[in-house]
Amino acid sequence: MKVKDVMAKDPISIDPDAPVGTALEVMRTKRVRHLPVVDEGSRLVGIVTDRDLRQAAFAPVVEEYLSARGQRRMRHMGESLENLRVRDVMTWAVTTTHPESPLAHAALIMSESRVGSLPVVDGGQLVGLLTEHDVLKAVGQRGDVSEFDPEGSLR
């Protein structure tokens, strides 16, 4: 089975100059955890994940536990957060795969790299997105799991 057989084609993507708030809203409304970041030519330049956005937004949450001086400094950081763009929080060095790659190879890359998705590129252009969900669904549909042990192990 190839990556192209299970990937999401034409994935939702975002511009690197979009506000972080826009990325949050897109992820919330579209119920996705990974947004490939593409330039005007649909070339992949990065990826922004729900984890990236949580880290950017986490600072204001701890403000109530800080001293008055710390709260003033945090408010200043919060004002700066409003000006953050996707390019400020995204991952620039993205691990990718090709549509013709074997699915098992892509799954191994995801596991070893500890990432939940792989943008699928062909000739530098974003053509799809492979997620953990896609891989698990493909394994389940193929019936590669011959027996399920109720204690949690697969045979």
Protein backbone atom coordinates (compact mmCIF):
# COMPACT_ATOMS: atom_id res chain seq x y z
CA MET A 1 0.00 0.00 0.00
CA LYS A 2 1.29 3.47 -0.89
CA VAL A 3 0.97 6.76 0.98
CA LYS A 4 -1.20 8.14 -1.85
CA ASP A 5 -3.80 5.43 -1.15
CA VAL A 6 -4.58 6.66 2.35
CA MET A 7 -3.43 10.30 2.63
CA ALA A 8 -5.81 13.24 2.79
CA LYS A 9 -5.67 14.89 -0.61
CA ASP A 10 -5.74 18.69 -0.86
CA PRO A 11 -5.27 19.21 2.89
CA ILE A 12 -6.24 22.40 4.63
CA SER A 13 -3.17 24.61 4.73
CA ILE A 14 -2.31 28.09 5.94
CA ASP A 15 -0.14 31.02 4.90
CA PRO A 16 2.95 31.77 7.02
CA ASP A 17 1.79 35.38 7.49
CA ALA A 18 -1.65 34.43 8.84
CA PRO A 19 -2.32 35.46 12.45
CA VAL A 20 -1.92 32.72 15.04
CA GLY A 21 -5.57 33.32 15.99
CA THR A 22 -6.62 32.37 12.46
CA ALA A 23 -4.68 29.11 12.71
CA LEU A 24 -6.38 28.35 16.03
CA GLU A 25 -9.80 29.04 14.55
CA VAL A 26 -9.15 26.91 11.45
CA MET A 27 -7.98 24.00 13.59
CA ARG A 28 -10.97 24.30 15.88
CA THR A 29 -13.62 24.58 13.18
CA LYS A 30 -12.10 22.00 10.82
CA ARG A 31 -11.18 19.68 13.71
CA VAL A 32 -7.56 19.18 12.62
CA ARG A 33 -4.36 19.12 14.64
CA HIS A 34 -1.84 19.82 11.86
CA LEU A 35 -1.76 22.62 9.31
CA PRO A 36 0.84 22.54 6.57
CA VAL A 37 2.20 26.03 5.92
CA VAL A 38 2.55 26.88 2.24
CA ASP A 39 3.75 29.89 0.27
CA GLU A 40 1.97 31.52 -2.68
CA GLY A 41 3.15 28.73 -5.00
CA SER A 42 1.75 25.96 -2.77
CA ARG A 43 5.29 24.99 -1.78
CA LEU A 44 5.59 23.58 1.72
CA VAL A 45 7.54 25.91 4.03
CA GLY A 46 6.59 24.46 7.42
CA ILE A 47 3.90 22.98 9.60
CA VAL A 48 2.01 24.33 12.57
CA THR A 49 0.47 21.94 15.06
CA ASP A 50 -1.94 22.23 17.94
CA ARG A 51 1.07 21.75 20.22
CA ASP A 52 2.87 24.73 18.65
CA LEU A 53 -0.19 26.89 19.23
CA ARG A 54 -0.69 25.69 22.82
CA GLN A 55 2.90 26.58 23.62
CA ALA A 56 2.43 30.06 22.16
CA ALA A 57 -0.81 30.59 24.08
CA PHE A 58 0.27 28.98 27.38
CA ALA A 59 2.04 32.01 28.86
CA PRO A 60 -1.12 34.05 29.64
CA VAL A 61 -2.59 31.11 31.59
CA VAL A 62 0.13 31.21 34.25
CA GLU A 63 -0.20 34.97 34.77
CA GLU A 64 -2.50 34.64 37.80
CA TYR A 65 0.22 32.76 39.71
CA LEU A 66 2.85 35.44 39.25
CA SER A 67 3.85 38.43 41.38
CA ALA A 68 2.57 41.88 40.37
CA ARG A 69 5.83 42.54 38.52
CA GLY A 70 5.61 39.18 36.78
CA GLN A 71 1.99 39.89 35.80
CA ARG A 72 3.01 43.20 34.19
CA ARG A 73 5.71 41.44 32.19
CA MET A 74 3.27 38.71 31.18
CA ARG A 75 0.67 41.27 30.02
CA HIS A 76 3.31 42.77 27.77
CA MET A 77 3.99 39.30 26.36
CA GLY A 78 0.24 38.85 25.86
CA GLU A 79 0.09 42.01 23.78
CA SER A 80 2.91 40.60 21.69
CA LEU A 81 0.98 37.33 21.25
CA GLU A 82 -1.75 39.25 19.44
CA ASN A 83 0.82 40.18 16.82
CA LEU A 84 2.21 36.66 16.36
CA ARG A 85 2.04 35.13 12.91
CA VAL A 86 2.09 31.47 11.97
CA ARG A 87 5.70 31.88 10.83
CA ASP A 88 6.61 32.80 14.43
CA VAL A 89 5.38 29.52 15.95
CA MET A 90 5.54 26.94 13.14
CA THR A 91 8.12 24.20 12.67
CA TRP A 92 10.33 25.13 9.73
CA ALA A 93 12.26 21.87 9.30
CA VAL A 94 9.47 19.48 8.33
CA THR A 95 9.81 15.75 7.85
CA THR A 96 7.89 14.83 4.69
CA THR A 97 7.06 11.84 2.53
CA HIS A 98 6.26 11.21 -1.13
CA PRO A 99 2.92 9.91 -2.47
CA GLU A 100 4.61 6.79 -3.91
CA SER A 101 6.35 5.87 -0.64
CA PRO A 102 5.25 2.62 0.99
CA LEU A 103 2.82 3.29 3.83
CA ALA A 104 4.87 1.11 6.20
CA HIS A 105 7.95 3.27 5.55
CA ALA A 106 6.00 6.48 6.24
CA ALA A 107 4.57 4.96 9.44
CA LEU A 108 8.09 4.07 10.59
CA ILE A 109 9.28 7.62 9.89
CA MET A 110 6.35 9.00 11.91
CA SER A 111 7.12 6.67 14.81
CA GLU A 112 10.87 7.35 14.84
CA SER A 113 10.43 11.09 14.41
CA ARG A 114 7.62 11.17 16.99
CA VAL A 115 5.33 13.20 14.74
CA GLY A 116 1.60 12.85 14.24
CA SER A 117 1.59 13.73 10.57
CA LEU A 118 3.70 13.88 7.46
CA PRO A 119 3.07 16.41 4.72
CA VAL A 120 3.12 14.63 1.37
CA VAL A 121 5.09 16.52 -1.26
CA ASP A 122 5.76 15.91 -4.91
CA GLY A 123 8.18 18.22 -6.69
CA GLY A 124 8.14 20.58 -3.71
CA GLN A 125 4.36 20.99 -3.92
CA LEU A 126 2.07 19.95 -1.07
CA VAL A 127 -0.23 17.22 -2.45
CA GLY A 128 -1.51 15.60 0.74
CA LEU A 129 -1.19 14.99 4.45
CA LEU A 130 -0.71 11.62 6.11
CA THR A 131 -1.80 11.46 9.75
CA GLU A 132 -1.64 8.82 12.47
CA HIS A 133 -5.38 8.39 11.99
CA ASP A 134 -4.89 7.60 8.29
CA VAL A 135 -2.25 4.96 9.08
CA LEU A 136 -4.34 3.29 11.79
CA LYS A 137 -7.44 3.29 9.61
CA ALA A 138 -5.49 1.65 6.75
CA VAL A 139 -4.11 -1.05 9.05
CA GLY A 140 -7.56 -1.74 10.44
CA GLN A 141 -9.16 -1.98 7.00
CA ARG A 142 -6.49 -4.35 5.69
CA GLY A 143 -7.10 -6.75 8.52
CA ASP A 144 -3.40 -7.02 9.36
CA VAL A 145 -4.38 -7.65 12.95
CA SER A 146 -5.26 -11.33 13.13
CA GLU A 147 -6.35 -11.45 16.74
CA PHE A 148 -7.01 -8.95 19.49
CA ASP A 149 -6.08 -9.88 23.06
CA PRO A 150 -8.46 -8.15 25.53
CA GLU A 151 -5.48 -7.40 27.76
CA GLY A 152 -4.27 -4.99 25.13
CA SER A 153 -1.77 -6.77 22.93
CA LEU A 154 -2.14 -7.46 19.23
CA ARG A 155 -1.13 -10.79 17.73
